[in-house]
Amino acid sequence: MLEQKKRFTRGGSLRAATLITATVLAGACGYTYGAENPKAAPADYPSRYIELTIPFAPGGGVDLFGRTVAQVLNDQKLVSKPIQVVNKPGAGGSVGMALMVQRKGDPYSLLGIAIHAVATPLTLGTPYSYKDMTPIAKVFSEYQMMVVRTESPIKSLKEVEAALRKDPGSLTIGGASLGNADHIAVALFAKSIGVDPTKLNYIPYSGGESNPAIMGGHVDIGMGGLDLMTHVESGRMRVLALTSPKRLGGRFQKLPTFTEQGYNVVNENWRGLFGPPDMPAGVVQYWRDALMKMVQTAAWKAELEKNQWVNTFEADGFRAALDKDNEMYSVLLKQLGLLKQ
């Protein structure tokens, strides 16, 4: 069993359960983890099914990502053996990350995850992060949008800026959990206008509970993903800005970004694939090639449109992008008093 890098700041029983689960699964898989690995994939790779672990429960955004990738790769015959999706939820994705670390060198194990690979170790103090796994590729991204209810007297970001400059707590802002991409986006906006983000009146909601709060006027401003576009198109919400670096296409092309309005706010919630540590270089390249072919298919482009995902595929530069995310999140979470690492 691998030596622990550090202990959980809380939840020691969860850490123990995670390691036991990982060890049992490793033994059941029939692969000798930690054994010397070839520098390239065998000529007959893959010779059996591939297991894609999703470290969250079925039905969520990351689960949808993983199952969609597996389906398109399988249906388009881009891999010669089936990809089986297995859910291993727990502790903000840390159970799945620990499992990958225990499967060191295994060419038949993949992990599908999002920004949690960066944020969870920082906010929960869990032992493993993206640094302990093999980054394969960022597949796509989602961005946040700042919205108000249609009847809101707030018409522009300038009005939001003026109100927050005068009194940072004067506006209630609804979004997902503390430390989530929604919260980070709001913190970035506050910093861009010289306001202390810890002074904001940010109200965290679980699931989609923030949507009725926004439309019902229980909060002044809302933050959420691109799925809010449904409520915008129905006339119940109005968009003030998107966190994308430039305007998006399609149904989003008329929506302004923060940056074009003069605010240094760019934030993405990506989805990506990882392998265990010491995954053979040839296997890593095999999956990068397969994913590159996948994102060019009509089937995948249809999924992007259907799910309101933005193509930001990146392979070689994925690790550098992760390091940049880690630096930004570390600074902001520390300022917000949410940094546990």
Protein backbone atom coordinates (compact mmCIF):
# COMPACT_ATOMS: atom_id res chain seq x y z
CA MET A 1 0.00 0.00 0.00
CA LEU A 2 1.28 3.46 -0.86
CA GLU A 3 2.52 5.60 1.99
CA GLN A 4 0.06 8.38 2.84
CA LYS A 5 1.32 11.84 1.91
CA LYS A 6 -0.70 13.43 4.65
CA ARG A 7 -3.71 12.74 6.84
CA PHE A 8 -7.20 14.02 6.48
CA THR A 9 -7.79 17.00 8.67
CA ARG A 10 -10.99 15.29 9.63
CA GLY A 11 -12.76 12.03 8.83
CA GLY A 12 -10.00 9.52 9.57
CA SER A 13 -12.46 6.67 9.15
CA LEU A 14 -13.18 7.82 5.61
CA ARG A 15 -9.46 7.72 4.81
CA ALA A 16 -9.16 4.20 6.14
CA ALA A 17 -12.22 3.04 4.23
CA THR A 18 -10.90 4.62 1.07
CA LEU A 19 -7.58 2.81 1.29
CA ILE A 20 -9.18 -0.52 2.10
CA THR A 21 -11.59 -0.17 -0.82
CA ALA A 22 -8.79 0.78 -3.18
CA THR A 23 -6.63 -2.13 -2.11
CA VAL A 24 -9.45 -4.67 -2.48
CA LEU A 25 -10.36 -3.35 -5.91
CA ALA A 26 -6.73 -3.35 -6.97
CA GLY A 27 -6.39 -7.00 -6.07
CA ALA A 28 -9.64 -7.90 -7.78
CA CYS A 29 -8.56 -6.21 -10.98
CA GLY A 30 -5.80 -8.73 -11.58
CA TYR A 31 -3.17 -6.10 -12.33
CA THR A 32 0.05 -5.85 -10.33
CA TYR A 33 0.10 -2.22 -9.25
CA GLY A 34 3.49 -0.74 -8.73
CA ALA A 35 5.13 -3.28 -11.03
CA GLU A 36 7.62 -2.07 -13.62
CA ASN A 37 5.71 -0.64 -16.56
CA PRO A 38 6.64 -0.56 -20.22
CA LYS A 39 7.38 2.83 -21.74
CA ALA A 40 4.82 2.22 -24.48
CA ALA A 41 1.49 0.47 -24.73
CA PRO A 42 1.64 -3.18 -25.91
CA ALA A 43 0.81 -3.72 -29.57
CA ASP A 44 -2.47 -5.41 -28.62
CA TYR A 45 -3.54 -2.68 -26.16
CA PRO A 46 -6.25 -2.68 -25.01
CA SER A 47 -6.68 -6.42 -24.68
CA ARG A 48 -9.63 -6.19 -22.28
CA TYR A 49 -12.22 -3.74 -21.00
CA ILE A 50 -11.26 -0.37 -19.51
CA GLU A 51 -12.73 0.83 -16.23
CA LEU A 52 -13.65 4.51 -16.08
CA THR A 53 -14.19 5.61 -12.48
CA ILE A 54 -16.51 8.52 -11.79
CA PRO A 55 -15.93 9.76 -8.22
CA PHE A 56 -19.49 11.03 -7.81
CA ALA A 57 -22.94 9.50 -7.64
CA PRO A 58 -24.91 8.69 -10.80
CA GLY A 59 -26.96 11.49 -12.27
CA GLY A 60 -24.66 14.46 -11.70
CA GLY A 61 -22.67 16.54 -14.16
CA VAL A 62 -19.45 14.57 -13.87
CA ASP A 63 -21.33 11.29 -14.22
CA LEU A 64 -23.02 12.57 -17.38
CA PHE A 65 -19.61 13.57 -18.74
CA GLY A 66 -18.05 10.16 -18.08
CA ARG A 67 -20.93 8.15 -19.47
CA THR A 68 -21.16 10.34 -22.57
CA VAL A 69 -17.43 9.98 -23.28
CA ALA A 70 -17.62 6.21 -22.82
CA GLN A 71 -20.68 5.94 -25.07
CA VAL A 72 -19.25 8.02 -27.91
CA LEU A 73 -15.87 6.29 -27.81
CA ASN A 74 -17.59 2.89 -27.83
CA ASP A 75 -20.24 3.72 -30.43
CA GLN A 76 -17.78 5.38 -32.81
CA LYS A 77 -15.41 2.38 -32.53
CA LEU A 78 -12.56 4.65 -31.42
CA VAL A 79 -11.43 2.07 -28.88
CA SER A 80 -11.33 -1.65 -29.54
CA LYS A 81 -12.58 -2.78 -26.12
CA PRO A 82 -15.59 -1.58 -24.11
CA ILE A 83 -15.32 1.17 -21.50
CA GLN A 84 -17.20 0.38 -18.30
CA VAL A 85 -18.25 3.28 -16.06
CA VAL A 86 -18.11 2.67 -12.30
CA ASN A 87 -19.26 5.23 -9.72
CA LYS A 88 -17.16 5.60 -6.55
CA PRO A 89 -18.61 8.65 -4.80
CA GLY A 90 -17.32 10.19 -1.60
CA ALA A 91 -15.72 13.29 -0.06
CA GLY A 92 -15.89 15.58 -3.06
CA GLY A 93 -14.18 13.13 -5.40
CA SER A 94 -11.35 12.21 -3.04
CA VAL A 95 -12.42 8.56 -2.76
CA GLY A 96 -12.03 8.15 -6.52
CA MET A 97 -8.70 9.98 -6.54
CA ALA A 98 -7.35 7.73 -3.79
CA LEU A 99 -8.45 4.71 -5.80
CA MET A 100 -6.49 5.93 -8.82
CA VAL A 101 -3.37 6.46 -6.73
CA GLN A 102 -3.61 2.91 -5.42
CA ARG A 103 -3.77 1.64 -9.01
CA LYS A 104 -0.31 2.91 -9.82
CA GLY A 105 0.76 2.04 -13.36
CA ASP A 106 -2.51 0.35 -14.32
CA PRO A 107 -3.15 0.93 -18.06
CA TYR A 108 -6.78 -0.17 -17.73
CA SER A 109 -7.98 2.41 -15.21
CA LEU A 110 -9.19 5.94 -15.96
CA LEU A 111 -10.75 8.65 -13.81
CA GLY A 112 -13.24 11.22 -15.05
CA ILE A 113 -13.40 14.31 -12.86
CA ALA A 114 -13.77 18.10 -12.90
CA ILE A 115 -12.25 21.03 -11.00
CA HIS A 116 -12.68 18.94 -7.84
CA ALA A 117 -9.26 17.41 -8.61
CA VAL A 118 -7.89 20.84 -7.69
CA ALA A 119 -10.47 22.25 -5.28
CA THR A 120 -11.31 19.28 -3.01
CA PRO A 121 -7.80 18.82 -1.56
CA LEU A 122 -7.65 22.56 -0.92
CA THR A 123 -11.06 22.87 0.76
CA LEU A 124 -11.20 19.51 2.58
CA GLY A 125 -7.52 18.80 3.17
CA THR A 126 -7.78 15.40 1.51
CA PRO A 127 -4.47 13.69 0.68
CA TYR A 128 -4.51 13.34 -3.10
CA SER A 129 -5.00 15.75 -5.98
CA TYR A 130 -4.32 16.04 -9.70
CA LYS A 131 -0.61 16.16 -8.83
CA ASP A 132 -0.70 12.49 -7.80
CA MET A 133 -2.32 11.23 -11.01
CA THR A 134 -1.49 11.29 -14.73
CA PRO A 135 -3.35 14.07 -16.57
CA ILE A 136 -4.57 12.80 -19.94
CA ALA A 137 -6.77 15.54 -21.36
CA LYS A 138 -9.21 18.31 -20.59
CA VAL A 139 -12.22 17.42 -22.73
CA PHE A 140 -14.57 20.38 -22.41
CA SER A 141 -15.54 23.24 -20.12
CA GLU A 142 -18.57 24.85 -18.61
CA TYR A 143 -18.73 28.50 -17.63
CA GLN A 144 -20.77 30.43 -15.12
CA MET A 145 -23.22 33.22 -15.77
CA MET A 146 -24.29 36.03 -13.48
CA VAL A 147 -28.04 36.54 -13.71
CA VAL A 148 -30.90 38.46 -12.13
CA ARG A 149 -34.62 37.82 -12.27
CA THR A 150 -36.33 39.56 -15.14
CA GLU A 151 -38.12 42.02 -12.83
CA SER A 152 -34.90 43.04 -11.07
CA PRO A 153 -34.06 46.75 -11.00
CA ILE A 154 -30.42 45.76 -11.62
CA LYS A 155 -29.72 46.22 -15.32
CA SER A 156 -25.93 46.04 -15.61
CA LEU A 157 -22.64 45.02 -14.03
CA LYS A 158 -21.87 48.69 -13.42
CA GLU A 159 -24.85 48.86 -11.09
CA VAL A 160 -23.66 45.73 -9.27
CA GLU A 161 -20.18 47.24 -8.97
CA ALA A 162 -21.54 50.51 -7.59
CA ALA A 163 -23.64 48.73 -4.98
CA LEU A 164 -20.83 46.44 -3.83
CA ARG A 165 -18.30 49.25 -3.68
CA LYS A 166 -20.66 51.22 -1.45
CA ASP A 167 -21.54 48.24 0.74
CA PRO A 168 -20.16 44.74 -0.10
CA GLY A 169 -22.96 43.09 1.84
CA SER A 170 -25.81 45.09 0.33
CA LEU A 171 -26.65 42.51 -2.34
CA THR A 172 -27.50 38.88 -1.68
CA ILE A 173 -25.78 36.53 -4.16
CA GLY A 174 -27.02 32.97 -4.60
CA GLY A 175 -24.99 30.11 -6.02
CA ALA A 176 -23.61 26.63 -5.37
CA SER A 177 -21.61 25.57 -2.31
CA LEU A 178 -18.77 27.55 -0.75
CA GLY A 179 -15.55 27.12 -2.69
CA ASN A 180 -17.49 25.99 -5.76
CA ALA A 181 -16.94 27.50 -9.21
CA ASP A 182 -19.92 29.85 -8.64
CA HIS A 183 -18.37 31.16 -5.43
CA ILE A 184 -14.95 31.52 -7.03
CA ALA A 185 -16.44 33.50 -9.92
CA VAL A 186 -18.10 35.93 -7.52
CA ALA A 187 -14.85 36.27 -5.57
CA LEU A 188 -12.98 37.05 -8.79
CA PHE A 189 -15.51 39.75 -9.63
CA ALA A 190 -15.18 41.28 -6.18
CA LYS A 191 -11.39 41.35 -6.46
CA SER A 192 -11.61 42.92 -9.93
CA ILE A 193 -13.47 45.91 -8.48
CA GLY A 194 -11.35 46.20 -5.34
CA VAL A 195 -13.90 44.68 -2.93
CA ASP A 196 -12.98 42.19 -0.22
CA PRO A 197 -14.70 38.93 -1.30
CA THR A 198 -15.12 37.84 2.33
CA LYS A 199 -17.47 40.78 2.84
CA LEU A 200 -19.93 39.62 0.17
CA ASN A 201 -23.32 38.29 1.21
CA TYR A 202 -22.96 34.97 -0.64
CA ILE A 203 -25.67 32.39 0.05
CA PRO A 204 -24.75 28.79 -0.87
CA TYR A 205 -27.42 26.41 -2.16
CA SER A 206 -27.29 22.72 -2.93
CA GLY A 207 -28.26 21.25 -6.28
CA GLY A 208 -30.49 23.54 -8.30
CA GLU A 209 -32.11 25.17 -5.28
CA SER A 210 -30.64 28.55 -6.17
CA ASN A 211 -32.76 28.78 -9.32
CA PRO A 212 -36.14 29.27 -7.60
CA ALA A 213 -34.41 31.60 -5.13
CA ILE A 214 -33.25 33.78 -8.02
CA MET A 215 -36.57 33.77 -9.85
CA GLY A 216 -38.51 34.27 -6.63
CA GLY A 217 -36.51 37.30 -5.64
CA HIS A 218 -35.04 35.68 -2.51
CA VAL A 219 -31.57 36.73 -3.70
CA ASP A 220 -30.62 39.82 -5.67
CA ILE A 221 -28.11 38.14 -7.97
CA GLY A 222 -27.58 34.54 -9.05
CA MET A 223 -24.58 32.57 -10.25
CA GLY A 224 -24.92 29.32 -12.15
CA GLY A 225 -23.89 27.24 -15.12
CA LEU A 226 -24.89 27.61 -18.75
CA ASP A 227 -27.97 25.49 -18.06
CA LEU A 228 -29.54 28.70 -16.73
CA MET A 229 -29.98 29.65 -20.37
CA THR A 230 -33.26 27.72 -20.33
CA HIS A 231 -34.64 30.19 -17.78
CA VAL A 232 -33.20 33.12 -19.73
CA GLU A 233 -34.90 31.99 -22.92
CA SER A 234 -38.18 31.50 -21.08
CA GLY A 235 -38.04 35.11 -19.94
CA ARG A 236 -37.58 34.45 -16.22
CA MET A 237 -33.92 35.52 -15.94
CA ARG A 238 -31.67 38.16 -17.46
CA VAL A 239 -27.92 37.66 -17.99
CA LEU A 240 -25.42 40.26 -16.83
CA ALA A 241 -22.21 38.45 -17.83
CA LEU A 242 -20.48 35.13 -18.58
CA THR A 243 -17.13 33.99 -17.15
CA SER A 244 -15.87 32.74 -20.53
CA PRO A 245 -12.72 34.41 -21.92
CA LYS A 246 -14.64 35.45 -25.05
CA ARG A 247 -18.19 35.31 -26.31
CA LEU A 248 -19.59 31.86 -26.88
CA GLY A 249 -21.35 30.81 -30.06
CA GLY A 250 -24.78 29.48 -30.84
CA ARG A 251 -27.53 30.40 -28.44
CA PHE A 252 -25.03 32.25 -26.21
CA GLN A 253 -23.57 34.57 -28.84
CA LYS A 254 -25.51 37.64 -27.71
CA LEU A 255 -24.46 37.29 -24.07
CA PRO A 256 -21.59 39.57 -22.94
CA THR A 257 -18.60 38.38 -20.95
CA PHE A 258 -17.13 39.98 -17.85
CA THR A 259 -13.89 40.70 -19.71
CA GLU A 260 -15.47 42.61 -22.58
CA GLN A 261 -17.14 44.82 -19.97
CA GLY A 262 -13.80 45.61 -18.37
CA TYR A 263 -13.70 43.08 -15.51
CA ASN A 264 -10.87 40.56 -15.10
CA VAL A 265 -13.11 37.56 -14.49
CA VAL A 266 -12.48 34.29 -16.34
CA ASN A 267 -13.42 31.02 -14.69
CA GLU A 268 -14.15 27.59 -16.12
CA ASN A 269 -15.36 24.33 -14.69
CA TRP A 270 -13.66 21.79 -16.92
CA ARG A 271 -14.16 18.05 -17.29
CA GLY A 272 -11.14 15.85 -17.87
CA LEU A 273 -9.66 12.36 -17.83
CA PHE A 274 -6.78 11.15 -15.68
CA GLY A 275 -4.86 7.92 -15.34
CA PRO A 276 -3.10 6.46 -12.30
CA PRO A 277 0.42 7.60 -11.45
CA ASP A 278 3.11 6.06 -13.69
CA MET A 279 0.65 5.20 -16.43
CA PRO A 280 2.80 4.11 -19.41
CA ALA A 281 3.50 6.97 -21.80
CA GLY A 282 2.25 4.95 -24.76
CA VAL A 283 -1.07 4.34 -23.04
CA VAL A 284 -1.45 8.03 -22.23
CA GLN A 285 -0.89 8.84 -25.89
CA TYR A 286 -3.36 6.16 -26.95
CA TRP A 287 -6.12 7.86 -24.96
CA ARG A 288 -5.14 11.33 -26.10
CA ASP A 289 -5.33 10.20 -29.71
CA ALA A 290 -8.69 8.51 -29.14
CA LEU A 291 -10.14 11.60 -27.44
CA MET A 292 -8.80 13.88 -30.17
CA LYS A 293 -10.65 11.78 -32.74
CA MET A 294 -13.76 11.74 -30.56
CA VAL A 295 -14.09 15.53 -30.25
CA GLN A 296 -14.06 15.80 -34.04
CA THR A 297 -17.01 13.45 -34.56
CA ALA A 298 -20.52 14.65 -35.33
CA ALA A 299 -21.79 12.51 -32.45
CA TRP A 300 -19.63 14.37 -29.92
CA LYS A 301 -20.47 17.79 -31.37
CA ALA A 302 -24.13 16.93 -30.97
CA GLU A 303 -23.51 16.13 -27.30
CA LEU A 304 -21.77 19.48 -26.82
CA GLU A 305 -24.77 21.28 -28.25
CA LYS A 306 -27.30 19.24 -26.32
CA ASN A 307 -25.56 19.62 -22.96
CA GLN A 308 -24.35 23.20 -23.44
CA TRP A 309 -20.70 22.16 -23.12
CA VAL A 310 -17.88 24.20 -24.65
CA ASN A 311 -15.11 22.47 -26.59
CA THR A 312 -11.82 23.33 -24.87
CA PHE A 313 -9.98 20.09 -25.61
CA GLU A 314 -6.39 20.20 -24.41
CA ALA A 315 -3.86 17.43 -23.88
CA ASP A 316 -0.22 18.52 -23.86
CA GLY A 317 -0.96 21.71 -21.93
CA PHE A 318 -3.39 20.13 -19.47
CA ARG A 319 -0.90 19.81 -16.60
CA ALA A 320 0.20 23.45 -16.93
CA ALA A 321 -3.45 24.55 -16.91
CA LEU A 322 -4.05 22.51 -13.76
CA ASP A 323 -1.10 24.17 -12.04
CA LYS A 324 -2.56 27.57 -12.96
CA ASP A 325 -5.96 26.59 -11.56
CA ASN A 326 -4.32 25.33 -8.38
CA GLU A 327 -2.49 28.61 -7.88
CA MET A 328 -5.62 30.71 -8.43
CA TYR A 329 -7.83 28.56 -6.21
CA SER A 330 -5.21 28.46 -3.45
CA VAL A 331 -5.01 32.25 -3.31
CA LEU A 332 -8.75 32.82 -3.42
CA LEU A 333 -9.69 30.05 -0.99
CA LYS A 334 -7.11 31.31 1.48
CA GLN A 335 -8.55 34.80 1.26
CA LEU A 336 -12.05 33.37 1.70
CA GLY A 337 -10.94 31.42 4.77
CA LEU A 338 -11.71 28.09 3.07
CA LEU A 339 -8.20 26.77 2.51
CA LYS A 340 -7.58 23.59 4.53
CA GLN A 341 -4.33 22.38 2.97
